[in-house]
Amino acid sequence: MSPLCESYVPEDQLNAAERFYPLHAFVCDRCWLVQLLEYVKAADIYAEYAYFSSYSSAWLRHAEEYVQMINGRLGLRPEDPVVEVASNDGYLLQYFVQRGQRVLGIEPAANIARVAESKGVPSRVAFFGERLARDLVGEGWRPKLLLGNNVLAHVPNLNDFVRGLKVLLAEDGTITMEFPHLQRLIEGNQFDTIYHEHFSYFSLIAVERVFAGRGLKIFDVEELWTHGGSLRIYAMHAGDPGAVETDRLRLLRERELSLGYNRLEVYSTFRRRVEETKRRLLEFLIRVRREGKTVAGYGAPGKGNTLLNYCGIRTDFLDYVVDRNPYKQGKFLPGTHIPIFPPERLAETKPDYILILPWNLKDEIVRQLEYTRSWGARLFVPIPEPKVVG
């Protein structure tokens, strides 16, 4: 049972009831898509959202490098339309705008879309699907490049979403989508990336089936470092002569099949490894607390809330967390009610240990926290197992 991972609690609501929902991932033994049941409507989750992409400098570099790469690969001209689904705070489209290119962002969270607009990124506040795609086509949008980063997992009606991609894409257009790779999630024991806002978890073989069923051909794939290991897929309309399958797509498909991602036993062993990680993390925290050490957390990401609620870690183990996002500061983590402070709190209290909750940004955060060595702080990550780093 877990609360919504982005439902940060204001101080005046600490004594109010919180909603908890079952958090249980299932796998389909026909299409091999890993899924959660839809306990909460997406409209309720994203009416007011707390995740702003631009607070990670590593993620901004990733976005800027993508814009440079994709312009070169596709030979985009300034007049070629670019549309991003789930464009967040304009973290990526801003780099297209700087190049004088025509863009449109689609973002369901109005509070985040306003930030994108302030950066000069035109944004439509809406959920994407076939209906919106047809409206956009009627308005003259047929993007040469249609992209989405970390949105496929957030879509409750996956088939409608991919049908919308098919409708909106220009006849000679290209789709790129990035999402966490299920193989890396399972092999890296990244169970904290499972939360209610993520309805689906993708292997290549599963996502190929989804796209093919809607008339789209995935023809290339890249393996990325982001979010603990992600895929970037490239797709075109089925039958487009440019959709020639690459060797790296074929090799990744063969790897997943050889590793058994079309067999149930791969999935059934995952739970036991998660339980062991919980025990090891609690053993670590019990030991350092009994030694009289203080422990704080760095970051208040959604994945951290899955981890803390599943392991039963509250202020008896973790004094507080800090986060660079002012939207979260002054609030409390859902379920555990651990307070969130600005990063300056670390220098004020000088904790002995700092738990890095967004472990996927470990290298960036270790550099940011170099100053904590002055008082001998030790940094540690919980995934794939508790380990001191830096």
Protein backbone atom coordinates (compact mmCIF):
# COMPACT_ATOMS: atom_id res chain seq x y z
CA MET A 1 0.00 0.00 0.00
CA SER A 2 1.46 3.34 -1.04
CA PRO A 3 0.33 6.96 -1.51
CA LEU A 4 0.69 8.75 -4.84
CA CYS A 5 4.39 9.45 -5.10
CA GLU A 6 4.06 13.13 -6.10
CA SER A 7 1.36 14.03 -3.54
CA TYR A 8 3.55 16.11 -1.23
CA VAL A 9 1.79 17.10 1.99
CA PRO A 10 1.49 20.74 3.15
CA GLU A 11 2.12 21.28 6.87
CA ASP A 12 -1.49 22.25 7.58
CA GLN A 13 -2.67 18.87 6.24
CA LEU A 14 -0.33 16.61 8.22
CA ASN A 15 -3.17 15.43 10.47
CA ALA A 16 -5.59 14.83 7.60
CA ALA A 17 -6.28 11.39 6.14
CA GLU A 18 -4.08 10.25 3.26
CA ARG A 19 -5.11 7.90 0.50
CA PHE A 20 -3.06 4.75 0.00
CA TYR A 21 -3.46 2.36 -2.93
CA PRO A 22 -2.15 -1.13 -3.73
CA LEU A 23 1.18 -0.98 -5.58
CA HIS A 24 1.48 -4.25 -7.46
CA ALA A 25 3.00 -4.79 -10.91
CA PHE A 26 1.62 -7.52 -13.16
CA VAL A 27 2.99 -9.02 -16.37
CA CYS A 28 0.87 -10.22 -19.30
CA ASP A 29 1.93 -13.69 -20.45
CA ARG A 30 0.85 -12.96 -24.03
CA CYS A 31 2.32 -9.53 -24.89
CA TRP A 32 4.84 -9.28 -21.98
CA LEU A 33 3.82 -5.77 -21.03
CA VAL A 34 4.32 -5.09 -17.31
CA GLN A 35 1.44 -3.04 -15.99
CA LEU A 36 -0.22 -1.57 -12.90
CA LEU A 37 -3.95 -1.46 -12.36
CA GLU A 38 -5.37 2.04 -12.75
CA TYR A 39 -6.44 2.99 -9.23
CA VAL A 40 -6.29 6.74 -9.83
CA LYS A 41 -7.32 8.66 -12.93
CA ALA A 42 -4.50 10.44 -14.74
CA ALA A 43 -6.49 13.68 -14.57
CA ASP A 44 -6.33 13.53 -10.77
CA ILE A 45 -2.57 12.86 -10.78
CA TYR A 46 -1.60 15.65 -13.16
CA ALA A 47 -4.04 18.41 -12.23
CA GLU A 48 -1.22 19.94 -10.15
CA TYR A 49 2.12 18.18 -10.59
CA ALA A 50 5.38 18.59 -8.69
CA TYR A 51 7.97 17.22 -11.14
CA PHE A 52 9.97 19.89 -13.00
CA SER A 53 12.56 18.45 -15.39
CA SER A 54 14.82 21.50 -15.40
CA TYR A 55 16.08 21.00 -11.84
CA SER A 56 18.56 18.36 -13.05
CA SER A 57 21.54 19.82 -14.90
CA ALA A 58 22.45 16.35 -16.21
CA TRP A 59 18.96 15.98 -17.69
CA LEU A 60 19.21 19.41 -19.34
CA ARG A 61 22.54 18.39 -20.94
CA HIS A 62 20.88 15.20 -22.16
CA ALA A 63 18.06 17.23 -23.74
CA GLU A 64 20.40 19.72 -25.39
CA GLU A 65 22.56 16.94 -26.83
CA TYR A 66 19.45 15.23 -28.19
CA VAL A 67 18.33 18.40 -29.98
CA GLN A 68 21.72 18.76 -31.64
CA MET A 69 21.82 15.07 -32.60
CA ILE A 70 18.28 14.79 -33.98
CA ASN A 71 18.59 17.96 -36.06
CA GLY A 72 21.67 16.51 -37.70
CA ARG A 73 20.21 13.04 -38.15
CA LEU A 74 16.91 14.19 -39.67
CA GLY A 75 18.18 17.34 -41.39
CA LEU A 76 15.38 19.39 -39.87
CA ARG A 77 14.69 22.82 -41.37
CA PRO A 78 13.40 25.77 -39.29
CA GLU A 79 9.94 25.37 -40.83
CA ASP A 80 9.69 21.64 -40.01
CA PRO A 81 7.24 21.29 -37.10
CA VAL A 82 8.44 19.63 -33.88
CA VAL A 83 5.89 18.43 -31.31
CA GLU A 84 6.72 17.03 -27.88
CA VAL A 85 4.15 15.08 -25.89
CA ALA A 86 4.51 15.63 -22.12
CA SER A 87 6.78 18.62 -22.65
CA ASN A 88 6.92 19.45 -18.92
CA ASP A 89 8.54 22.84 -18.18
CA GLY A 90 10.05 23.29 -21.64
CA TYR A 91 13.32 21.63 -20.59
CA LEU A 92 13.86 20.25 -24.14
CA LEU A 93 11.81 22.34 -26.57
CA GLN A 94 13.61 25.47 -25.38
CA TYR A 95 16.67 24.30 -27.32
CA PHE A 96 14.63 23.98 -30.52
CA VAL A 97 13.21 27.47 -29.88
CA GLN A 98 16.75 28.84 -29.54
CA ARG A 99 17.45 27.49 -33.04
CA GLY A 100 14.41 29.31 -34.44
CA GLN A 101 12.41 26.13 -35.03
CA ARG A 102 8.63 25.81 -34.91
CA VAL A 103 7.54 23.83 -31.85
CA LEU A 104 4.52 22.88 -29.79
CA GLY A 105 4.50 21.27 -26.35
CA ILE A 106 1.61 19.19 -25.05
CA GLU A 107 1.53 19.09 -21.25
CA PRO A 108 -1.44 18.09 -19.04
CA ALA A 109 -0.21 19.84 -15.87
CA ALA A 110 -1.19 23.50 -16.14
CA ASN A 111 1.21 24.70 -13.43
CA ILE A 112 4.16 23.18 -15.32
CA ALA A 113 2.98 24.35 -18.76
CA ARG A 114 2.99 27.94 -17.48
CA VAL A 115 6.70 27.63 -16.74
CA ALA A 116 7.31 26.36 -20.29
CA GLU A 117 5.38 29.31 -21.72
CA SER A 118 7.59 31.69 -19.75
CA LYS A 119 10.57 30.20 -21.63
CA GLY A 120 8.95 30.91 -25.00
CA VAL A 121 7.70 27.35 -25.53
CA PRO A 122 4.11 27.32 -26.87
CA SER A 123 2.21 24.74 -24.81
CA ARG A 124 -1.20 23.08 -25.05
CA VAL A 125 -2.62 22.00 -21.68
CA ALA A 126 -4.19 18.65 -22.53
CA PHE A 127 -3.84 14.90 -22.34
CA PHE A 128 -2.63 13.38 -25.59
CA GLY A 129 -4.58 10.76 -27.48
CA GLU A 130 -6.24 10.11 -30.82
CA ARG A 131 -8.89 12.79 -30.32
CA LEU A 132 -6.40 15.57 -29.58
CA ALA A 133 -4.20 14.37 -32.44
CA ARG A 134 -7.06 14.82 -34.90
CA ASP A 135 -7.74 18.31 -33.52
CA LEU A 136 -4.08 19.24 -34.00
CA VAL A 137 -4.06 17.93 -37.57
CA GLY A 138 -7.11 20.11 -38.22
CA GLU A 139 -5.08 23.07 -36.95
CA GLY A 140 -2.28 22.34 -39.41
CA TRP A 141 0.14 20.38 -37.20
CA ARG A 142 1.82 17.40 -38.91
CA PRO A 143 5.21 17.18 -37.18
CA LYS A 144 8.32 16.05 -38.99
CA LEU A 145 9.58 15.08 -35.51
CA LEU A 146 7.17 13.82 -32.83
CA LEU A 147 8.83 13.00 -29.54
CA GLY A 148 8.13 12.07 -25.95
CA ASN A 149 10.51 11.44 -23.06
CA ASN A 150 9.31 9.37 -20.11
CA VAL A 151 5.66 9.67 -21.07
CA LEU A 152 4.77 6.18 -22.38
CA ALA A 153 4.88 4.79 -18.85
CA HIS A 154 2.47 7.48 -17.64
CA VAL A 155 -0.29 6.67 -20.16
CA PRO A 156 -3.27 4.66 -18.85
CA ASN A 157 -4.79 4.11 -22.33
CA LEU A 158 -1.69 3.03 -24.21
CA ASN A 159 -3.38 2.01 -27.45
CA ASP A 160 -5.25 5.33 -27.75
CA PHE A 161 -2.00 7.21 -27.12
CA VAL A 162 -0.08 5.35 -29.83
CA ARG A 163 -3.00 5.71 -32.26
CA GLY A 164 -2.70 9.46 -31.64
CA LEU A 165 0.99 9.33 -32.57
CA LYS A 166 0.05 7.58 -35.82
CA VAL A 167 -2.62 10.18 -36.66
CA LEU A 168 -0.46 13.22 -35.90
CA LEU A 169 2.85 12.18 -37.48
CA ALA A 170 3.70 13.61 -40.92
CA GLU A 171 3.80 11.06 -43.73
CA ASP A 172 7.61 11.21 -43.80
CA GLY A 173 7.96 12.01 -40.10
CA THR A 174 9.89 10.29 -37.32
CA ILE A 175 8.88 9.46 -33.76
CA THR A 176 11.38 9.16 -30.91
CA MET A 177 10.32 7.98 -27.48
CA GLU A 178 12.45 7.47 -24.37
CA PHE A 179 11.43 5.31 -21.43
CA PRO A 180 13.10 3.25 -18.70
CA HIS A 181 14.14 -0.19 -19.97
CA LEU A 182 12.49 -3.10 -18.18
CA GLN A 183 15.63 -5.22 -18.49
CA ARG A 184 17.65 -2.60 -16.60
CA LEU A 185 14.88 -2.24 -14.00
CA ILE A 186 14.87 -5.96 -13.23
CA GLU A 187 18.61 -6.58 -13.46
CA GLY A 188 19.39 -3.45 -11.43
CA ASN A 189 16.72 -4.18 -8.82
CA GLN A 190 15.20 -0.75 -9.51
CA PHE A 191 11.88 -1.51 -7.82
CA ASP A 192 11.51 2.09 -6.60
CA THR A 193 10.75 3.20 -10.17
CA ILE A 194 7.44 1.34 -9.86
CA TYR A 195 4.75 3.75 -8.69
CA HIS A 196 1.15 4.65 -9.49
CA GLU A 197 2.04 7.38 -11.97
CA HIS A 198 3.81 4.71 -14.09
CA PHE A 199 1.11 2.51 -15.55
CA SER A 200 3.42 0.48 -17.84
CA TYR A 201 7.02 -0.84 -17.92
CA PHE A 202 8.53 -1.72 -21.28
CA SER A 203 10.83 -4.26 -22.80
CA LEU A 204 11.67 -3.77 -26.46
CA ILE A 205 9.62 -6.81 -27.43
CA ALA A 206 6.54 -5.39 -25.68
CA VAL A 207 6.81 -1.87 -27.11
CA GLU A 208 7.39 -3.22 -30.63
CA ARG A 209 4.12 -5.10 -30.38
CA VAL A 210 2.22 -2.02 -29.20
CA PHE A 211 3.53 0.17 -32.03
CA ALA A 212 3.11 -2.48 -34.74
CA GLY A 213 -0.51 -2.96 -33.73
CA ARG A 214 -1.16 0.74 -34.42
CA GLY A 215 0.56 0.85 -37.82
CA LEU A 216 3.96 2.16 -36.71
CA LYS A 217 7.32 0.49 -37.32
CA ILE A 218 10.16 0.74 -34.79
CA PHE A 219 13.33 0.65 -36.86
CA ASP A 220 16.10 1.72 -34.47
CA VAL A 221 16.89 1.85 -30.76
CA GLU A 222 19.55 3.39 -28.53
CA GLU A 223 20.42 2.36 -24.98
CA LEU A 224 20.79 5.39 -22.70
CA TRP A 225 22.13 6.08 -19.20
CA THR A 226 19.08 8.06 -18.10
CA HIS A 227 16.81 6.89 -15.24
CA GLY A 228 19.03 3.95 -14.44
CA GLY A 229 19.00 2.71 -18.04
CA SER A 230 16.53 3.73 -20.75
CA LEU A 231 15.71 3.04 -24.38
CA ARG A 232 15.22 5.61 -27.11
CA ILE A 233 13.18 4.10 -29.93
CA TYR A 234 12.80 5.48 -33.45
CA ALA A 235 9.60 4.80 -35.39
CA MET A 236 7.94 5.70 -38.70
CA HIS A 237 4.71 4.82 -40.43
CA ALA A 238 4.69 1.13 -41.33
CA GLY A 239 5.62 0.89 -45.00
CA ASP A 240 7.80 4.00 -44.99
CA PRO A 241 10.88 3.08 -47.03
CA GLY A 242 13.06 4.87 -44.48
CA ALA A 243 12.07 2.46 -41.70
CA VAL A 244 14.95 0.06 -42.30
CA GLU A 245 15.66 -2.08 -39.24
CA THR A 246 19.11 -1.50 -37.75
CA ASP A 247 21.50 -4.11 -36.38
CA ARG A 248 21.29 -2.67 -32.86
CA LEU A 249 17.50 -3.10 -32.86
CA ARG A 250 17.81 -6.70 -33.97
CA LEU A 251 20.58 -7.43 -31.45
CA LEU A 252 18.62 -5.95 -28.52
CA ARG A 253 15.53 -7.94 -29.46
CA GLU A 254 17.61 -11.13 -29.62
CA ARG A 255 19.20 -10.30 -26.24
CA GLU A 256 15.84 -9.84 -24.51
CA LEU A 257 14.57 -13.13 -25.92
CA SER A 258 17.73 -14.97 -24.92
CA LEU A 259 17.45 -13.56 -21.37
CA GLY A 260 13.88 -14.83 -21.12
CA TYR A 261 11.78 -11.67 -21.17
CA ASN A 262 9.14 -13.75 -22.94
CA ARG A 263 9.10 -16.28 -20.05
CA LEU A 264 7.39 -15.87 -16.69
CA GLU A 265 10.26 -17.15 -14.55
CA VAL A 266 12.28 -13.96 -15.21
CA TYR A 267 9.54 -11.92 -13.58
CA SER A 268 8.73 -14.27 -10.71
CA THR A 269 12.24 -14.03 -9.20
CA PHE A 270 12.13 -10.22 -9.00
CA ARG A 271 10.00 -10.00 -5.85
CA ARG A 272 12.41 -12.05 -3.74
CA ARG A 273 15.33 -9.78 -4.66
CA VAL A 274 13.28 -6.69 -3.75
CA GLU A 275 12.49 -8.11 -0.31
CA GLU A 276 16.18 -8.79 0.34
CA THR A 277 17.11 -5.22 -0.64
CA LYS A 278 14.56 -3.90 1.88
CA ARG A 279 16.11 -5.99 4.65
CA ARG A 280 19.65 -4.83 3.79
CA LEU A 281 18.69 -1.16 3.74
CA LEU A 282 16.94 -1.40 7.11
CA GLU A 283 19.91 -3.28 8.59
CA PHE A 284 22.21 -0.49 7.40
CA LEU A 285 20.05 2.27 8.86
CA ILE A 286 19.52 0.45 12.17
CA ARG A 287 23.27 0.00 12.54
CA VAL A 288 24.23 3.64 11.89
CA ARG A 289 21.39 4.94 14.06
CA ARG A 290 22.47 2.72 16.95
CA GLU A 291 25.95 4.17 16.54
CA GLY A 292 24.41 7.58 17.23
CA LYS A 293 24.85 8.84 13.64
CA THR A 294 22.53 11.33 11.96
CA VAL A 295 21.05 10.60 8.53
CA ALA A 296 19.48 12.98 6.00
CA GLY A 297 18.23 12.42 2.47
CA TYR A 298 19.11 14.21 -0.75
CA GLY A 299 16.27 14.65 -3.23
CA ALA A 300 12.51 14.10 -2.98
CA PRO A 301 11.81 12.18 -6.22
CA GLY A 302 8.80 9.97 -6.85
CA LYS A 303 10.98 6.86 -6.75
CA GLY A 304 12.18 7.83 -3.28
CA ASN A 305 8.62 7.76 -1.98
CA THR A 306 8.09 4.22 -3.25
CA LEU A 307 11.31 3.16 -1.53
CA LEU A 308 10.62 4.88 1.81
CA ASN A 309 7.00 3.74 2.09
CA TYR A 310 7.78 0.14 1.11
CA CYS A 311 10.65 -0.06 3.61
CA GLY A 312 8.77 1.77 6.38
CA ILE A 313 11.44 4.48 6.67
CA ARG A 314 10.21 7.59 8.48
CA THR A 315 11.82 10.24 10.67
CA ASP A 316 13.03 7.55 13.08
CA PHE A 317 15.57 6.67 10.39
CA LEU A 318 15.74 9.77 8.16
CA ASP A 319 15.73 13.18 9.87
CA TYR A 320 14.75 15.13 6.76
CA VAL A 321 15.37 15.39 3.02
CA VAL A 322 16.49 18.35 0.91
CA ASP A 323 15.45 19.18 -2.64
CA ARG A 324 16.35 21.92 -5.12
CA ASN A 325 12.73 22.30 -6.24
CA PRO A 326 11.09 25.21 -4.34
CA TYR A 327 7.69 23.66 -5.09
CA LYS A 328 8.49 20.80 -2.69
CA GLN A 329 10.32 22.76 0.00
CA GLY A 330 8.34 23.30 3.19
CA LYS A 331 6.15 20.28 2.49
CA PHE A 332 6.39 16.68 3.68
CA LEU A 333 6.91 13.40 1.83
CA PRO A 334 3.67 11.47 1.21
CA GLY A 335 3.04 8.64 3.62
CA THR A 336 6.25 9.01 5.64
CA HIS A 337 5.80 12.73 6.46
CA ILE A 338 9.55 13.37 6.34
CA PRO A 339 10.08 17.17 6.05
CA ILE A 340 11.58 18.69 2.89
CA PHE A 341 14.08 21.55 3.19
CA PRO A 342 16.26 23.54 0.77
CA PRO A 343 19.74 22.04 0.17
CA GLU A 344 21.33 24.61 2.51
CA ARG A 345 19.94 22.60 5.43
CA LEU A 346 22.75 20.06 5.00
CA ALA A 347 25.46 22.62 5.80
CA GLU A 348 23.45 23.85 8.79
CA THR A 349 23.02 20.43 10.43
CA LYS A 350 26.04 18.50 9.03
CA PRO A 351 24.55 14.97 8.96
CA ASP A 352 26.90 11.99 9.20
CA TYR A 353 25.21 10.11 6.33
CA ILE A 354 23.30 11.38 3.29
CA LEU A 355 20.97 8.99 1.46
CA ILE A 356 20.82 9.81 -2.28
CA LEU A 357 17.23 9.02 -3.24
CA PRO A 358 17.50 9.96 -6.97
CA TRP A 359 20.30 7.38 -7.34
CA ASN A 360 19.99 7.56 -11.14
CA LEU A 361 21.64 11.02 -10.84
CA LYS A 362 24.27 9.76 -8.41
CA ASP A 363 27.32 11.13 -10.25
CA GLU A 364 25.82 14.62 -10.59
CA ILE A 365 24.76 14.66 -6.94
CA VAL A 366 28.10 13.40 -5.62
CA ARG A 367 29.73 16.36 -7.37
CA GLN A 368 27.15 18.76 -5.93
CA LEU A 369 27.76 17.40 -2.42
CA GLU A 370 31.56 17.54 -2.57
CA TYR A 371 31.45 20.25 0.12
CA THR A 372 29.99 17.79 2.66
CA ARG A 373 33.38 16.10 2.89
CA SER A 374 34.49 19.05 5.02
CA TRP A 375 32.64 17.54 8.00
CA GLY A 376 33.16 13.91 6.99
CA ALA A 377 29.68 13.12 5.62
CA ARG A 378 29.32 9.78 3.86
CA LEU A 379 27.00 9.48 0.86
CA PHE A 380 25.12 6.27 0.12
CA VAL A 381 22.60 4.91 -2.38
CA PRO A 382 19.87 2.31 -1.75
CA ILE A 383 19.73 0.71 -5.23
CA PRO A 384 20.63 -1.95 -6.36
CA GLU A 385 21.73 -2.43 -2.74
CA PRO A 386 22.80 -0.06 0.08
CA LYS A 387 26.30 1.15 -0.74
CA VAL A 388 28.52 4.07 0.31
CA VAL A 389 29.63 6.07 -2.77
CA GLY A 390 31.87 9.00 -3.63
